[in-house]
Amino acid sequence: MLEEIKRLFGELSGGSRQPGHFDDNDYRLAAAALLVHEATLDGELSAAARGKLRSLLMTQFSLTDALADELIEAAIAADREAVDFYHFTSLLMRTLNEEGRARIIEMLWEVAYVNGRVSEFEDNMVWRVADLLAISPHERIALRQRVAARQPGGSAP
């Protein structure tokens, strides 16, 4: 508890947080690991998926190109070591409010739509993560429809 308070004050004052250092308790790493998992459900991380990840992470977390690449590499390693989603989602539950957690689900949909369609495995993963993040089925579906409407051809599923 004391360490968490020290870390918080260090971050607020710009002190102890080293830019580009993504440790196991960094919610950005947890979010990125979930995004990497979604992006690699059908195999390797494609160039299109990596580009989408990079763009999302840079925008969402105000990262430079180099820091986004570092976060993606750290997320790939974290995802490889993970046995389930709970480690990531429990950290996100402790760190983010409902709006922030909903944004993670929206980002997952954006990654799922990289190839133009969502597979049943991608849909299932978003459903499970949304459930763990206490995002209602109604909101999960609304977020999917919002992302789908932004796709080329723009029709909701």
Protein backbone atom coordinates (compact mmCIF):
# COMPACT_ATOMS: atom_id res chain seq x y z
CA MET A 1 0.00 0.00 0.00
CA LEU A 2 2.78 2.42 0.93
CA GLU A 3 4.61 1.61 -2.30
CA GLU A 4 1.47 2.38 -4.32
CA ILE A 5 1.10 5.75 -2.60
CA LYS A 6 4.78 6.56 -3.21
CA ARG A 7 4.41 5.54 -6.86
CA LEU A 8 1.31 7.72 -7.25
CA PHE A 9 3.01 10.79 -5.78
CA GLY A 10 6.07 10.12 -7.91
CA GLU A 11 3.95 9.98 -11.05
CA LEU A 12 2.02 13.11 -10.14
CA SER A 13 5.21 15.07 -9.55
CA GLY A 14 6.85 13.62 -12.66
CA GLY A 15 9.48 11.96 -10.51
CA SER A 16 9.69 8.21 -10.30
CA ARG A 17 7.88 7.29 -13.53
CA GLN A 18 10.43 6.70 -16.21
CA PRO A 19 9.04 7.44 -19.64
CA GLY A 20 8.89 4.32 -21.71
CA HIS A 21 9.11 1.96 -18.78
CA PHE A 22 6.06 -0.31 -18.72
CA ASP A 23 6.03 -2.48 -15.60
CA ASP A 24 3.59 -5.22 -14.62
CA ASN A 25 1.41 -2.77 -12.68
CA ASP A 26 1.03 -0.33 -15.57
CA TYR A 27 -2.55 -0.29 -16.82
CA ARG A 28 -1.26 0.68 -20.28
CA LEU A 29 0.61 -2.63 -20.47
CA ALA A 30 -2.50 -4.53 -19.35
CA ALA A 31 -4.61 -2.82 -22.02
CA ALA A 32 -1.97 -3.35 -24.69
CA ALA A 33 -1.60 -7.04 -23.81
CA LEU A 34 -5.35 -7.56 -24.28
CA LEU A 35 -5.16 -5.74 -27.62
CA VAL A 36 -2.19 -7.87 -28.70
CA HIS A 37 -4.05 -11.03 -27.75
CA GLU A 38 -7.05 -9.94 -29.82
CA ALA A 39 -4.78 -9.06 -32.75
CA THR A 40 -3.03 -12.44 -32.68
CA LEU A 41 -6.01 -14.76 -32.21
CA ASP A 42 -5.69 -15.91 -35.80
CA GLY A 43 -1.91 -16.30 -35.75
CA GLU A 44 0.93 -13.83 -35.93
CA LEU A 45 0.65 -10.08 -35.52
CA SER A 46 0.06 -8.81 -39.05
CA ALA A 47 1.48 -5.52 -40.31
CA ALA A 48 -2.04 -4.08 -40.49
CA ALA A 49 -2.83 -5.14 -36.92
CA ARG A 50 0.51 -3.80 -35.64
CA GLY A 51 -0.18 -0.49 -37.37
CA LYS A 52 -3.65 -0.30 -35.82
CA LEU A 53 -2.26 -1.18 -32.38
CA ARG A 54 0.42 1.44 -32.70
CA SER A 55 -2.07 4.10 -33.73
CA LEU A 56 -4.51 3.24 -30.93
CA LEU A 57 -1.79 3.21 -28.26
CA MET A 58 -0.24 6.46 -29.45
CA THR A 59 -3.61 8.20 -29.44
CA GLN A 60 -5.03 6.71 -26.24
CA PHE A 61 -1.89 7.03 -24.12
CA SER A 62 -0.17 10.01 -25.80
CA LEU A 63 2.91 7.98 -26.74
CA THR A 64 5.66 8.67 -29.22
CA ASP A 65 6.36 6.22 -32.04
CA ALA A 66 9.25 4.71 -30.08
CA LEU A 67 7.25 4.36 -26.86
CA ALA A 68 4.31 2.80 -28.70
CA ASP A 69 6.68 0.25 -30.25
CA GLU A 70 8.20 -0.44 -26.83
CA LEU A 71 4.74 -0.92 -25.33
CA ILE A 72 3.75 -3.32 -28.11
CA GLU A 73 6.87 -5.42 -27.53
CA ALA A 74 6.25 -5.45 -23.76
CA ALA A 75 2.60 -6.38 -24.40
CA ILE A 76 3.58 -9.26 -26.68
CA ALA A 77 5.83 -10.62 -23.93
CA ALA A 78 3.15 -10.11 -21.24
CA ASP A 79 0.51 -11.82 -23.38
CA ARG A 80 2.83 -14.75 -24.02
CA GLU A 81 3.34 -15.24 -20.26
CA ALA A 82 -0.33 -14.79 -19.27
CA VAL A 83 -2.47 -17.79 -18.42
CA ASP A 84 -5.75 -15.86 -18.55
CA PHE A 85 -7.20 -12.35 -18.87
CA TYR A 86 -7.79 -11.87 -15.13
CA HIS A 87 -4.37 -10.38 -14.35
CA PHE A 88 -4.92 -7.70 -16.98
CA THR A 89 -8.60 -7.05 -16.33
CA SER A 90 -8.24 -6.89 -12.55
CA LEU A 91 -5.57 -4.20 -12.94
CA LEU A 92 -7.82 -2.29 -15.36
CA MET A 93 -10.75 -2.60 -12.92
CA ARG A 94 -8.64 -1.10 -10.13
CA THR A 95 -7.22 1.65 -12.33
CA LEU A 96 -9.91 2.82 -14.74
CA ASN A 97 -13.41 4.16 -14.31
CA GLU A 98 -16.31 2.77 -16.35
CA GLU A 99 -15.65 5.17 -19.22
CA GLY A 100 -12.00 4.09 -19.40
CA ARG A 101 -12.94 0.42 -19.32
CA ALA A 102 -15.49 0.98 -22.09
CA ARG A 103 -12.75 2.63 -24.15
CA ILE A 104 -10.67 -0.56 -23.79
CA ILE A 105 -13.60 -2.56 -25.20
CA GLU A 106 -13.96 -0.09 -28.05
CA MET A 107 -10.25 -0.47 -28.81
CA LEU A 108 -10.63 -4.26 -28.81
CA TRP A 109 -13.39 -3.92 -31.41
CA GLU A 110 -11.18 -1.63 -33.48
CA VAL A 111 -8.45 -4.28 -33.50
CA ALA A 112 -10.97 -7.01 -34.29
CA TYR A 113 -12.17 -5.09 -37.36
CA VAL A 114 -8.66 -4.61 -38.80
CA ASN A 115 -9.27 -7.25 -41.47
CA GLY A 116 -12.80 -6.03 -42.19
CA ARG A 117 -14.73 -8.68 -40.29
CA VAL A 118 -14.88 -10.10 -36.78
CA SER A 119 -14.39 -13.83 -36.26
CA GLU A 120 -16.34 -15.76 -33.66
CA PHE A 121 -13.12 -16.09 -31.63
CA GLU A 122 -12.56 -12.34 -31.64
CA ASP A 123 -16.20 -11.73 -30.71
CA ASN A 124 -15.93 -14.25 -27.88
CA MET A 125 -12.77 -12.67 -26.52
CA VAL A 126 -14.34 -9.19 -26.45
CA TRP A 127 -17.41 -10.65 -24.74
CA ARG A 128 -15.26 -12.32 -22.02
CA VAL A 129 -13.10 -9.23 -21.44
CA ALA A 130 -16.15 -6.95 -21.35
CA ASP A 131 -17.70 -9.21 -18.75
CA LEU A 132 -14.53 -9.10 -16.63
CA LEU A 133 -14.46 -5.29 -16.97
CA ALA A 134 -18.11 -4.98 -15.88
CA ILE A 135 -19.21 -3.60 -19.24
CA SER A 136 -22.82 -4.56 -19.87
CA PRO A 137 -23.81 -6.64 -22.90
CA HIS A 138 -25.87 -3.68 -24.12
CA GLU A 139 -22.86 -1.35 -24.03
CA ARG A 140 -20.54 -3.98 -25.55
CA ILE A 141 -22.89 -4.36 -28.50
CA ALA A 142 -23.32 -0.59 -28.84
CA LEU A 143 -19.55 -0.16 -28.92
CA ARG A 144 -19.27 -2.85 -31.60
CA GLN A 145 -21.91 -1.12 -33.70
CA ARG A 146 -20.15 2.24 -33.30
CA VAL A 147 -16.83 0.75 -34.47
CA ALA A 148 -18.51 -1.18 -37.30
CA ALA A 149 -20.19 1.99 -38.54
CA ARG A 150 -16.77 3.65 -38.89
CA GLN A 151 -15.46 0.84 -41.09
CA PRO A 152 -15.30 1.17 -44.87
CA GLY A 153 -18.77 0.26 -46.04
CA GLY A 154 -19.91 1.33 -42.56
CA SER A 155 -22.70 -1.04 -41.67
CA ALA A 156 -23.23 -2.39 -38.19
CA PRO A 157 -23.16 -6.19 -37.75
